Amino acid sequence: MRDLDISTESTRRGGLASRLMIVGLVVAVGGIAGALGVANASDGGLEHLQQTYLVSFALFLSVSLGALFFVLLHHLTRAGWSVVVLRLAVALACNVQLMLVLAIPIVLWLHQLY
């Protein structure tokens, strides 16, 4: 059985994918700015936004860490049956780096959240 080596795989993005990433980034920044604007305009909205962000962060962090655990378990046991599922788990586990960046607002709001 061939061992799965993810480091040798390359990702090629065409022109459409690059444009979609830019559009997605613009929509995300606009959504964040809109959420902060609405939260500041309403009474108690900022606390509600912080609590919602914390719950969402915890959900996506647990999914990413669960996938990372599955990938580590797959490699420790040298399992061959889960190669198809492993690609999905690796893609989900890559979000751990993103979650590190998304933890910055939680660290900044720590005294207000708890």
PDB file of N, CA and C in Angstrom:
ATOM      1  N   MET A   1       0.843  -1.179   0.000  1.00  0.00           N
ATOM      2  CA  MET A   1       0.000   0.000   0.000  1.00  0.00           C
ATOM      3  C   MET A   1       0.885   1.237   0.000  1.00  0.00           C
ATOM      4  N   ARG A   2       0.520   2.194  -0.800  1.00  0.00           N
ATOM      5  CA  ARG A   2       1.283   3.434  -0.937  1.00  0.00           C
ATOM      6  C   ARG A   2       1.005   4.332   0.258  1.00  0.00           C
ATOM      7  N   ASP A   3       2.063   4.859   0.868  1.00  0.00           N
ATOM      8  CA  ASP A   3       1.917   5.766   1.994  1.00  0.00           C
ATOM      9  C   ASP A   3       1.488   7.145   1.482  1.00  0.00           C
ATOM     10  N   LEU A   4       0.587   7.766   2.174  1.00  0.00           N
ATOM     11  CA  LEU A   4       0.061   9.068   1.764  1.00  0.00           C
ATOM     12  C   LEU A   4       1.024  10.164   2.197  1.00  0.00           C
ATOM     13  N   ASP A   5       1.596  10.857   1.235  1.00  0.00           N
ATOM     14  CA  ASP A   5       2.516  11.951   1.520  1.00  0.00           C
ATOM     15  C   ASP A   5       1.885  13.238   1.017  1.00  0.00           C
ATOM     16  N   ILE A   6       1.337  13.991   1.928  1.00  0.00           N
ATOM     17  CA  ILE A   6       0.596  15.198   1.578  1.00  0.00           C
ATOM     18  C   ILE A   6       1.543  16.328   1.201  1.00  0.00           C
ATOM     19  N   SER A   7       2.773  16.299   1.681  1.00  0.00           N
ATOM     20  CA  SER A   7       3.700  17.400   1.425  1.00  0.00           C
ATOM     21  C   SER A   7       4.093  17.504  -0.041  1.00  0.00           C
ATOM     22  N   THR A   8       3.977  16.426  -0.810  1.00  0.00           N
ATOM     23  CA  THR A   8       4.357  16.480  -2.209  1.00  0.00           C
ATOM     24  C   THR A   8       3.220  16.916  -3.119  1.00  0.00           C
ATOM     25  N   GLU A   9       2.017  17.003  -2.587  1.00  0.00           N
ATOM     26  CA  GLU A   9       0.888  17.420  -3.411  1.00  0.00           C
ATOM     27  C   GLU A   9       0.938  18.927  -3.628  1.00  0.00           C
ATOM     28  N   SER A  10       0.565  19.340  -4.788  1.00  0.00           N
ATOM     29  CA  SER A  10       0.563  20.763  -5.089  1.00  0.00           C
ATOM     30  C   SER A  10      -0.868  21.213  -5.381  1.00  0.00           C
ATOM     31  N   THR A  11      -1.112  22.450  -5.096  1.00  0.00           N
ATOM     32  CA  THR A  11      -2.421  23.022  -5.333  1.00  0.00           C
ATOM     33  C   THR A  11      -2.285  24.074  -6.421  1.00  0.00           C
ATOM     34  N   ARG A  12      -3.082  23.932  -7.465  1.00  0.00           N
ATOM     35  CA  ARG A  12      -3.084  24.908  -8.541  1.00  0.00           C
ATOM     36  C   ARG A  12      -4.429  25.611  -8.555  1.00  0.00           C
ATOM     37  N   ARG A  13      -4.371  26.917  -8.506  1.00  0.00           N
ATOM     38  CA  ARG A  13      -5.593  27.701  -8.558  1.00  0.00           C
ATOM     39  C   ARG A  13      -5.627  28.440  -9.880  1.00  0.00           C
ATOM     40  N   GLY A  14      -6.774  28.405 -10.498  1.00  0.00           N
ATOM     41  CA  GLY A  14      -6.952  29.132 -11.743  1.00  0.00           C
ATOM     42  C   GLY A  14      -7.378  30.563 -11.457  1.00  0.00           C
ATOM     43  N   GLY A  15      -7.711  31.275 -12.522  1.00  0.00           N
ATOM     44  CA  GLY A  15      -8.129  32.665 -12.384  1.00  0.00           C
ATOM     45  C   GLY A  15      -9.430  32.808 -11.625  1.00  0.00           C
ATOM     46  N   LEU A  16     -10.365  31.868 -11.826  1.00  0.00           N
ATOM     47  CA  LEU A  16     -11.655  31.946 -11.145  1.00  0.00           C
ATOM     48  C   LEU A  16     -11.495  31.753  -9.641  1.00  0.00           C
ATOM     49  N   ALA A  17     -10.644  30.829  -9.241  1.00  0.00           N
ATOM     50  CA  ALA A  17     -10.440  30.584  -7.817  1.00  0.00           C
ATOM     51  C   ALA A  17      -9.822  31.801  -7.132  1.00  0.00           C
ATOM     52  N   SER A  18      -8.884  32.446  -7.784  1.00  0.00           N
ATOM     53  CA  SER A  18      -8.265  33.639  -7.199  1.00  0.00           C
ATOM     54  C   SER A  18      -9.278  34.764  -7.054  1.00  0.00           C
ATOM     55  N   ARG A  19     -10.124  34.935  -8.073  1.00  0.00           N
ATOM     56  CA  ARG A  19     -11.159  35.969  -7.985  1.00  0.00           C
ATOM     57  C   ARG A  19     -12.171  35.661  -6.890  1.00  0.00           C
ATOM     58  N   LEU A  20     -12.527  34.393  -6.740  1.00  0.00           N
ATOM     59  CA  LEU A  20     -13.475  34.015  -5.690  1.00  0.00           C
ATOM     60  C   LEU A  20     -12.879  34.230  -4.302  1.00  0.00           C
ATOM     61  N   MET A  21     -11.575  34.005  -4.169  1.00  0.00           N
ATOM     62  CA  MET A  21     -10.927  34.257  -2.877  1.00  0.00           C
ATOM     63  C   MET A  21     -10.945  35.744  -2.545  1.00  0.00           C
ATOM     64  N   ILE A  22     -10.718  36.578  -3.526  1.00  0.00           N
ATOM     65  CA  ILE A  22     -10.746  38.028  -3.292  1.00  0.00           C
ATOM     66  C   ILE A  22     -12.152  38.481  -2.939  1.00  0.00           C
ATOM     67  N   VAL A  23     -13.149  37.976  -3.665  1.00  0.00           N
ATOM     68  CA  VAL A  23     -14.543  38.327  -3.364  1.00  0.00           C
ATOM     69  C   VAL A  23     -14.911  37.842  -1.965  1.00  0.00           C
ATOM     70  N   GLY A  24     -14.485  36.648  -1.610  1.00  0.00           N
ATOM     71  CA  GLY A  24     -14.755  36.122  -0.274  1.00  0.00           C
ATOM     72  C   GLY A  24     -14.119  36.950   0.817  1.00  0.00           C
ATOM     73  N   LEU A  25     -12.904  37.416   0.581  1.00  0.00           N
ATOM     74  CA  LEU A  25     -12.218  38.267   1.552  1.00  0.00           C
ATOM     75  C   LEU A  25     -12.936  39.597   1.720  1.00  0.00           C
ATOM     76  N   VAL A  26     -13.383  40.184   0.617  1.00  0.00           N
ATOM     77  CA  VAL A  26     -14.116  41.452   0.689  1.00  0.00           C
ATOM     78  C   VAL A  26     -15.431  41.272   1.437  1.00  0.00           C
ATOM     79  N   VAL A  27     -16.147  40.189   1.161  1.00  0.00           N
ATOM     80  CA  VAL A  27     -17.408  39.921   1.852  1.00  0.00           C
ATOM     81  C   VAL A  27     -17.165  39.688   3.345  1.00  0.00           C
ATOM     82  N   ALA A  28     -16.096  38.971   3.694  1.00  0.00           N
ATOM     83  CA  ALA A  28     -15.783  38.712   5.104  1.00  0.00           C
ATOM     84  C   ALA A  28     -15.466  39.999   5.845  1.00  0.00           C
ATOM     85  N   VAL A  29     -14.639  40.862   5.248  1.00  0.00           N
ATOM     86  CA  VAL A  29     -14.295  42.128   5.896  1.00  0.00           C
ATOM     87  C   VAL A  29     -15.531  43.009   6.028  1.00  0.00           C
ATOM     88  N   GLY A  30     -16.368  43.019   5.001  1.00  0.00           N
ATOM     89  CA  GLY A  30     -17.616  43.782   5.081  1.00  0.00           C
ATOM     90  C   GLY A  30     -18.560  43.237   6.151  1.00  0.00           C
ATOM     91  N   GLY A  31     -18.628  41.928   6.269  1.00  0.00           N
ATOM     92  CA  GLY A  31     -19.469  41.320   7.295  1.00  0.00           C
ATOM     93  C   GLY A  31     -18.980  41.612   8.707  1.00  0.00           C
ATOM     94  N   ILE A  32     -17.682  41.572   8.897  1.00  0.00           N
ATOM     95  CA  ILE A  32     -17.112  41.891  10.212  1.00  0.00           C
ATOM     96  C   ILE A  32     -17.369  43.351  10.563  1.00  0.00           C
ATOM     97  N   ALA A  33     -17.161  44.227   9.591  1.00  0.00           N
ATOM     98  CA  ALA A  33     -17.411  45.656   9.837  1.00  0.00           C
ATOM     99  C   ALA A  33     -18.889  45.907  10.117  1.00  0.00           C
ATOM    100  N   GLY A  34     -19.769  45.239   9.387  1.00  0.00           N
ATOM    101  CA  GLY A  34     -21.207  45.388   9.629  1.00  0.00           C
ATOM    102  C   GLY A  34     -21.623  44.868  10.993  1.00  0.00           C
ATOM    103  N   ALA A  35     -21.077  43.723  11.400  1.00  0.00           N
ATOM    104  CA  ALA A  35     -21.409  43.160  12.709  1.00  0.00           C
ATOM    105  C   ALA A  35     -20.938  44.069  13.835  1.00  0.00           C
ATOM    106  N   LEU A  36     -19.736  44.614  13.697  1.00  0.00           N
ATOM    107  CA  LEU A  36     -19.239  45.538  14.724  1.00  0.00           C
ATOM    108  C   LEU A  36     -20.060  46.828  14.747  1.00  0.00           C
ATOM    109  N   GLY A  37     -20.486  47.299  13.571  1.00  0.00           N
ATOM    110  CA  GLY A  37     -21.316  48.505  13.519  1.00  0.00           C
ATOM    111  C   GLY A  37     -22.669  48.304  14.182  1.00  0.00           C
ATOM    112  N   VAL A  38     -23.304  47.191  13.909  1.00  0.00           N
ATOM    113  CA  VAL A  38     -24.602  46.902  14.534  1.00  0.00           C
ATOM    114  C   VAL A  38     -24.439  46.670  16.027  1.00  0.00           C
ATOM    115  N   ALA A  39     -23.359  45.995  16.428  1.00  0.00           N
ATOM    116  CA  ALA A  39     -23.132  45.726  17.849  1.00  0.00           C
ATOM    117  C   ALA A  39     -22.893  47.018  18.621  1.00  0.00           C
ATOM    118  N   ASN A  40     -22.179  47.961  18.033  1.00  0.00           N
ATOM    119  CA  ASN A  40     -21.938  49.229  18.717  1.00  0.00           C
ATOM    120  C   ASN A  40     -23.177  50.110  18.744  1.00  0.00           C
ATOM    121  N   ALA A  41     -24.058  49.954  17.759  1.00  0.00           N
ATOM    122  CA  ALA A  41     -25.252  50.797  17.690  1.00  0.00           C
ATOM    123  C   ALA A  41     -26.321  50.366  18.691  1.00  0.00           C
ATOM    124  N   SER A  42     -26.388  49.091  19.020  1.00  0.00           N
ATOM    125  CA  SER A  42     -27.440  48.617  19.922  1.00  0.00           C
ATOM    126  C   SER A  42     -26.926  48.509  21.350  1.00  0.00           C
ATOM    127  N   ASP A  43     -27.856  48.552  22.285  1.00  0.00           N
ATOM    128  CA  ASP A  43     -27.514  48.472  23.699  1.00  0.00           C
ATOM    129  C   ASP A  43     -27.233  47.010  24.072  1.00  0.00           C
ATOM    130  N   GLY A  44     -26.058  46.730  24.564  1.00  0.00           N
ATOM    131  CA  GLY A  44     -25.680  45.369  24.948  1.00  0.00           C
ATOM    132  C   GLY A  44     -25.302  44.504  23.764  1.00  0.00           C
ATOM    133  N   GLY A  45     -25.189  45.097  22.600  1.00  0.00           N
ATOM    134  CA  GLY A  45     -24.880  44.322  21.401  1.00  0.00           C
ATOM    135  C   GLY A  45     -23.457  43.819  21.355  1.00  0.00           C
ATOM    136  N   LEU A  46     -22.525  44.590  21.909  1.00  0.00           N
ATOM    137  CA  LEU A  46     -21.125  44.174  21.872  1.00  0.00           C
ATOM    138  C   LEU A  46     -20.892  42.942  22.753  1.00  0.00           C
ATOM    139  N   GLU A  47     -21.546  42.895  23.916  1.00  0.00           N
ATOM    140  CA  GLU A  47     -21.407  41.709  24.778  1.00  0.00           C
ATOM    141  C   GLU A  47     -21.995  40.478  24.096  1.00  0.00           C
ATOM    142  N   HIS A  48     -23.127  40.666  23.434  1.00  0.00           N
ATOM    143  CA  HIS A  48     -23.754  39.551  22.720  1.00  0.00           C
ATOM    144  C   HIS A  48     -22.857  39.080  21.571  1.00  0.00           C
ATOM    145  N   LEU A  49     -22.238  40.008  20.860  1.00  0.00           N
ATOM    146  CA  LEU A  49     -21.325  39.655  19.778  1.00  0.00           C
ATOM    147  C   LEU A  49     -20.116  38.889  20.315  1.00  0.00           C
ATOM    148  N   GLN A  50     -19.577  39.317  21.433  1.00  0.00           N
ATOM    149  CA  GLN A  50     -18.422  38.639  22.021  1.00  0.00           C
ATOM    150  C   GLN A  50     -18.779  37.218  22.455  1.00  0.00           C
ATOM    151  N   GLN A  51     -19.936  37.056  23.069  1.00  0.00           N
ATOM    152  CA  GLN A  51     -20.345  35.725  23.520  1.00  0.00           C
ATOM    153  C   GLN A  51     -20.616  34.796  22.340  1.00  0.00           C
ATOM    154  N   THR A  52     -21.227  35.326  21.298  1.00  0.00           N
ATOM    155  CA  THR A  52     -21.491  34.533  20.107  1.00  0.00           C
ATOM    156  C   THR A  52     -20.190  34.125  19.419  1.00  0.00           C
ATOM    157  N   TYR A  53     -19.244  35.042  19.371  1.00  0.00           N
ATOM    158  CA  TYR A  53     -17.937  34.745  18.775  1.00  0.00           C
ATOM    159  C   TYR A  53     -17.234  33.642  19.562  1.00  0.00           C
ATOM    160  N   LEU A  54     -17.318  33.696  20.886  1.00  0.00           N
ATOM    161  CA  LEU A  54     -16.665  32.691  21.726  1.00  0.00           C
ATOM    162  C   LEU A  54     -17.258  31.307  21.487  1.00  0.00           C
ATOM    163  N   VAL A  55     -18.576  31.205  21.403  1.00  0.00           N
ATOM    164  CA  VAL A  55     -19.220  29.915  21.176  1.00  0.00           C
ATOM    165  C   VAL A  55     -18.872  29.377  19.789  1.00  0.00           C
ATOM    166  N   SER A  56     -18.903  30.244  18.792  1.00  0.00           N
ATOM    167  CA  SER A  56     -18.558  29.817  17.430  1.00  0.00           C
ATOM    168  C   SER A  56     -17.102  29.383  17.346  1.00  0.00           C
ATOM    169  N   PHE A  57     -16.230  30.123  18.007  1.00  0.00           N
ATOM    170  CA  PHE A  57     -14.816  29.765  18.025  1.00  0.00           C
ATOM    171  C   PHE A  57     -14.610  28.399  18.673  1.00  0.00           C
ATOM    172  N   ALA A  58     -15.292  28.157  19.783  1.00  0.00           N
ATOM    173  CA  ALA A  58     -15.148  26.871  20.478  1.00  0.00           C
ATOM    174  C   ALA A  58     -15.641  25.718  19.603  1.00  0.00           C
ATOM    175  N   LEU A  59     -16.720  25.928  18.860  1.00  0.00           N
ATOM    176  CA  LEU A  59     -17.240  24.883  17.986  1.00  0.00           C
ATOM    177  C   LEU A  59     -16.237  24.535  16.896  1.00  0.00           C
ATOM    178  N   PHE A  60     -15.756  25.536  16.182  1.00  0.00           N
ATOM    179  CA  PHE A  60     -14.852  25.264  15.071  1.00  0.00           C
ATOM    180  C   PHE A  60     -13.478  24.789  15.548  1.00  0.00           C
ATOM    181  N   LEU A  61     -13.047  25.238  16.716  1.00  0.00           N
ATOM    182  CA  LEU A  61     -11.787  24.735  17.266  1.00  0.00           C
ATOM    183  C   LEU A  61     -11.913  23.261  17.636  1.00  0.00           C
ATOM    184  N   SER A  62     -13.045  22.862  18.195  1.00  0.00           N
ATOM    185  CA  SER A  62     -13.217  21.457  18.563  1.00  0.00           C
ATOM    186  C   SER A  62     -13.288  20.565  17.327  1.00  0.00           C
ATOM    187  N   VAL A  63     -13.911  21.026  16.261  1.00  0.00           N
ATOM    188  CA  VAL A  63     -13.946  20.244  15.017  1.00  0.00           C
ATOM    189  C   VAL A  63     -12.533  20.112  14.440  1.00  0.00           C
ATOM    190  N   SER A  64     -11.779  21.197  14.435  1.00  0.00           N
ATOM    191  CA  SER A  64     -10.421  21.164  13.889  1.00  0.00           C
ATOM    192  C   SER A  64      -9.504  20.270  14.725  1.00  0.00           C
ATOM    193  N   LEU A  65      -9.607  20.367  16.037  1.00  0.00           N
ATOM    194  CA  LEU A  65      -8.767  19.524  16.894  1.00  0.00           C
ATOM    195  C   LEU A  65      -9.176  18.061  16.823  1.00  0.00           C
ATOM    196  N   GLY A  66     -10.464  17.789  16.659  1.00  0.00           N
ATOM    197  CA  GLY A  66     -10.919  16.412  16.475  1.00  0.00           C
ATOM    198  C   GLY A  66     -10.371  15.807  15.191  1.00  0.00           C
ATOM    199  N   ALA A  67     -10.370  16.593  14.127  1.00  0.00           N
ATOM    200  CA  ALA A  67      -9.801  16.112  12.867  1.00  0.00           C
ATOM    201  C   ALA A  67      -8.298  15.898  12.989  1.00  0.00           C
ATOM    202  N   LEU A  68      -7.628  16.799  13.703  1.00  0.00           N
ATOM    203  CA  LEU A  68      -6.192  16.640  13.911  1.00  0.00           C
ATOM    204  C   LEU A  68      -5.899  15.372  14.709  1.00  0.00           C
ATOM    205  N   PHE A  69      -6.726  15.080  15.700  1.00  0.00           N
ATOM    206  CA  PHE A  69      -6.572  13.846  16.472  1.00  0.00           C
ATOM    207  C   PHE A  69      -6.753  12.622  15.584  1.00  0.00           C
ATOM    208  N   PHE A  70      -7.737  12.686  14.682  1.00  0.00           N
ATOM    209  CA  PHE A  70      -7.958  11.567  13.763  1.00  0.00           C
ATOM    210  C   PHE A  70      -6.753  11.352  12.852  1.00  0.00           C
ATOM    211  N   VAL A  71      -6.178  12.430  12.349  1.00  0.00           N
ATOM    212  CA  VAL A  71      -4.999  12.328  11.480  1.00  0.00           C
ATOM    213  C   VAL A  71      -3.820  11.731  12.256  1.00  0.00           C
ATOM    214  N   LEU A  72      -3.614  12.207  13.485  1.00  0.00           N
ATOM    215  CA  LEU A  72      -2.517  11.668  14.298  1.00  0.00           C
ATOM    216  C   LEU A  72      -2.737  10.191  14.608  1.00  0.00           C
ATOM    217  N   LEU A  73      -3.966   9.826  14.918  1.00  0.00           N
ATOM    218  CA  LEU A  73      -4.273   8.429  15.203  1.00  0.00           C
ATOM    219  C   LEU A  73      -4.081   7.557  13.971  1.00  0.00           C
ATOM    220  N   HIS A  74      -4.445   8.092  12.823  1.00  0.00           N
ATOM    221  CA  HIS A  74      -4.245   7.357  11.570  1.00  0.00           C
ATOM    222  C   HIS A  74      -2.764   7.068  11.332  1.00  0.00           C
ATOM    223  N   HIS A  75      -1.926   8.065  11.553  1.00  0.00           N
ATOM    224  CA  HIS A  75      -0.497   7.870  11.311  1.00  0.00           C
ATOM    225  C   HIS A  75       0.151   7.007  12.395  1.00  0.00           C
ATOM    226  N   LEU A  76      -0.310   7.111  13.624  1.00  0.00           N
ATOM    227  CA  LEU A  76       0.261   6.280  14.689  1.00  0.00           C
ATOM    228  C   LEU A  76      -0.038   4.802  14.485  1.00  0.00           C
ATOM    229  N   THR A  77      -1.238   4.492  14.023  1.00  0.00           N
ATOM    230  CA  THR A  77      -1.625   3.094  13.841  1.00  0.00           C
ATOM    231  C   THR A  77      -1.305   2.571  12.447  1.00  0.00           C
ATOM    232  N   ARG A  78      -0.821   3.459  11.584  1.00  0.00           N
ATOM    233  CA  ARG A  78      -0.519   3.097  10.192  1.00  0.00           C
ATOM    234  C   ARG A  78      -1.717   2.442   9.524  1.00  0.00           C
ATOM    235  N   ALA A  79      -2.869   3.030   9.727  1.00  0.00           N
ATOM    236  CA  ALA A  79      -4.109   2.492   9.162  1.00  0.00           C
ATOM    237  C   ALA A  79      -4.137   2.736   7.661  1.00  0.00           C
ATOM    238  N   GLY A  80      -4.626   1.755   6.942  1.00  0.00           N
ATOM    239  CA  GLY A  80      -4.714   1.886   5.498  1.00  0.00           C
ATOM    240  C   GLY A  80      -6.136   2.037   5.006  1.00  0.00           C
ATOM    241  N   TRP A  81      -7.092   1.752   5.864  1.00  0.00           N
ATOM    242  CA  TRP A  81      -8.483   1.774   5.445  1.00  0.00           C
ATOM    243  C   TRP A  81      -9.051   3.188   5.326  1.00  0.00           C
ATOM    244  N   SER A  82      -8.439   4.143   5.998  1.00  0.00           N
ATOM    245  CA  SER A  82      -9.057   5.468   6.099  1.00  0.00           C
ATOM    246  C   SER A  82      -8.425   6.509   5.191  1.00  0.00           C
ATOM    247  N   VAL A  83      -7.828   6.083   4.090  1.00  0.00           N
ATOM    248  CA  VAL A  83      -7.138   7.027   3.216  1.00  0.00           C
ATOM    249  C   VAL A  83      -8.120   8.026   2.617  1.00  0.00           C
ATOM    250  N   VAL A  84      -9.296   7.576   2.249  1.00  0.00           N
ATOM    251  CA  VAL A  84     -10.296   8.472   1.655  1.00  0.00           C
ATOM    252  C   VAL A  84     -10.769   9.498   2.682  1.00  0.00           C
ATOM    253  N   VAL A  85     -11.013   9.059   3.885  1.00  0.00           N
ATOM    254  CA  VAL A  85     -11.484   9.958   4.940  1.00  0.00           C
ATOM    255  C   VAL A  85     -10.345  10.840   5.445  1.00  0.00           C
ATOM    256  N   LEU A  86      -9.120  10.357   5.293  1.00  0.00           N
ATOM    257  CA  LEU A  86      -7.965  11.095   5.791  1.00  0.00           C
ATOM    258  C   LEU A  86      -7.804  12.437   5.088  1.00  0.00           C
ATOM    259  N   ARG A  87      -8.084  12.503   3.813  1.00  0.00           N
ATOM    260  CA  ARG A  87      -7.952  13.774   3.089  1.00  0.00           C
ATOM    261  C   ARG A  87      -8.905  14.824   3.654  1.00  0.00           C
ATOM    262  N   LEU A  88     -10.106  14.428   3.976  1.00  0.00           N
ATOM    263  CA  LEU A  88     -11.061  15.348   4.588  1.00  0.00           C
ATOM    264  C   LEU A  88     -10.588  15.775   5.973  1.00  0.00           C
ATOM    265  N   ALA A  89     -10.065  14.830   6.744  1.00  0.00           N
ATOM    266  CA  ALA A  89      -9.577  15.157   8.081  1.00  0.00           C
ATOM    267  C   ALA A  89      -8.365  16.083   8.027  1.00  0.00           C
ATOM    268  N   VAL A  90      -7.488  15.884   7.057  1.00  0.00           N
ATOM    269  CA  VAL A  90      -6.327  16.759   6.916  1.00  0.00           C
ATOM    270  C   VAL A  90      -6.773  18.171   6.548  1.00  0.00           C
ATOM    271  N   ALA A  91      -7.755  18.270   5.663  1.00  0.00           N
ATOM    272  CA  ALA A  91      -8.264  19.587   5.280  1.00  0.00           C
ATOM    273  C   ALA A  91      -8.897  20.301   6.480  1.00  0.00           C
ATOM    274  N   LEU A  92      -9.607  19.569   7.309  1.00  0.00           N
ATOM    275  CA  LEU A  92     -10.194  20.173   8.507  1.00  0.00           C
ATOM    276  C   LEU A  92      -9.125  20.512   9.542  1.00  0.00           C
ATOM    277  N   ALA A  93      -8.104  19.685   9.646  1.00  0.00           N
ATOM    278  CA  ALA A  93      -7.048  19.933  10.621  1.00  0.00           C
ATOM    279  C   ALA A  93      -6.195  21.138  10.242  1.00  0.00           C
ATOM    280  N   CYS A  94      -6.164  21.492   8.976  1.00  0.00           N
ATOM    281  CA  CYS A  94      -5.410  22.679   8.551  1.00  0.00           C
ATOM    282  C   CYS A  94      -6.007  23.960   9.123  1.00  0.00           C
ATOM    283  N   ASN A  95      -7.245  23.901   9.582  1.00  0.00           N
ATOM    284  CA  ASN A  95      -7.878  25.080  10.163  1.00  0.00           C
ATOM    285  C   ASN A  95      -7.325  25.429  11.542  1.00  0.00           C
ATOM    286  N   VAL A  96      -6.508  24.580  12.119  1.00  0.00           N
ATOM    287  CA  VAL A  96      -5.929  24.879  13.424  1.00  0.00           C
ATOM    288  C   VAL A  96      -5.066  26.138  13.351  1.00  0.00           C
ATOM    289  N   GLN A  97      -4.370  26.324  12.250  1.00  0.00           N
ATOM    290  CA  GLN A  97      -3.569  27.539  12.083  1.00  0.00           C
ATOM    291  C   GLN A  97      -4.457  28.774  12.017  1.00  0.00           C
ATOM    292  N   LEU A  98      -5.572  28.661  11.312  1.00  0.00           N
ATOM    293  CA  LEU A  98      -6.514  29.769  11.237  1.00  0.00           C
ATOM    294  C   LEU A  98      -7.123  30.057  12.612  1.00  0.00           C
ATOM    295  N   MET A  99      -7.379  29.016  13.375  1.00  0.00           N
ATOM    296  CA  MET A  99      -7.964  29.209  14.702  1.00  0.00           C
ATOM    297  C   MET A  99      -7.000  29.941  15.633  1.00  0.00           C
ATOM    298  N   LEU A 100      -5.722  29.785  15.413  1.00  0.00           N
ATOM    299  CA  LEU A 100      -4.732  30.526  16.192  1.00  0.00           C
ATOM    300  C   LEU A 100      -4.891  32.025  15.956  1.00  0.00           C
ATOM    301  N   VAL A 101      -5.089  32.413  14.718  1.00  0.00           N
ATOM    302  CA  VAL A 101      -5.289  33.829  14.392  1.00  0.00           C
ATOM    303  C   VAL A 101      -6.639  34.309  14.934  1.00  0.00           C
ATOM    304  N   LEU A 102      -7.662  33.467  14.825  1.00  0.00           N
ATOM    305  CA  LEU A 102      -8.992  33.854  15.292  1.00  0.00           C
ATOM    306  C   LEU A 102      -9.100  33.875  16.820  1.00  0.00           C
ATOM    307  N   ALA A 103      -8.084  33.377  17.522  1.00  0.00           N
ATOM    308  CA  ALA A 103      -8.085  33.429  18.983  1.00  0.00           C
ATOM    309  C   ALA A 103      -7.671  34.792  19.510  1.00  0.00           C
ATOM    310  N   ILE A 104      -7.128  35.638  18.658  1.00  0.00           N
ATOM    311  CA  ILE A 104      -6.659  36.960  19.102  1.00  0.00           C
ATOM    312  C   ILE A 104      -7.780  37.806  19.695  1.00  0.00           C
ATOM    313  N   PRO A 105      -8.972  37.903  19.065  1.00  0.00           N
ATOM    314  CA  PRO A 105     -10.039  38.686  19.702  1.00  0.00           C
ATOM    315  C   PRO A 105     -10.470  38.131  21.059  1.00  0.00           C
ATOM    316  N   ILE A 106     -10.417  36.828  21.224  1.00  0.00           N
ATOM    317  CA  ILE A 106     -10.804  36.237  22.512  1.00  0.00           C
ATOM    318  C   ILE A 106      -9.799  36.626  23.585  1.00  0.00           C
ATOM    319  N   VAL A 107      -8.520  36.620  23.234  1.00  0.00           N
ATOM    320  CA  VAL A 107      -7.492  37.026  24.196  1.00  0.00           C
ATOM    321  C   VAL A 107      -7.667  38.508  24.559  1.00  0.00           C
ATOM    322  N   LEU A 108      -8.002  39.315  23.573  1.00  0.00           N
ATOM    323  CA  LEU A 108      -8.193  40.747  23.837  1.00  0.00           C
ATOM    324  C   LEU A 108      -9.446  41.022  24.669  1.00  0.00           C
ATOM    325  N   TRP A 109     -10.486  40.208  24.484  1.00  0.00           N
ATOM    326  CA  TRP A 109     -11.751  40.405  25.207  1.00  0.00           C
ATOM    327  C   TRP A 109     -11.837  39.558  26.466  1.00  0.00           C
ATOM    328  N   LEU A 110     -10.745  38.952  26.891  1.00  0.00           N
ATOM    329  CA  LEU A 110     -10.779  37.980  27.991  1.00  0.00           C
ATOM    330  C   LEU A 110     -11.384  38.541  29.263  1.00  0.00           C
ATOM    331  N   HIS A 111     -11.027  39.744  29.628  1.00  0.00           N
ATOM    332  CA  HIS A 111     -11.541  40.320  30.874  1.00  0.00           C
ATOM    333  C   HIS A 111     -13.028  40.667  30.753  1.00  0.00           C
ATOM    334  N   GLN A 112     -13.545  40.870  29.558  1.00  0.00           N
ATOM    335  CA  GLN A 112     -14.956  41.180  29.381  1.00  0.00           C
ATOM    336  C   GLN A 112     -15.808  39.921  29.252  1.00  0.00           C
ATOM    337  N   LEU A 113     -15.219  38.837  28.757  1.00  0.00           N
ATOM    338  CA  LEU A 113     -15.983  37.620  28.538  1.00  0.00           C
ATOM    339  C   LEU A 113     -16.187  36.830  29.836  1.00  0.00           C
ATOM    340  N   TYR A 114     -15.199  36.823  30.703  1.00  0.00           N
ATOM    341  CA  TYR A 114     -15.279  35.996  31.906  1.00  0.00           C
ATOM    342  C   TYR A 114     -15.326  36.863  33.141  1.00  0.00           C
TER     343      TYR A 114
END
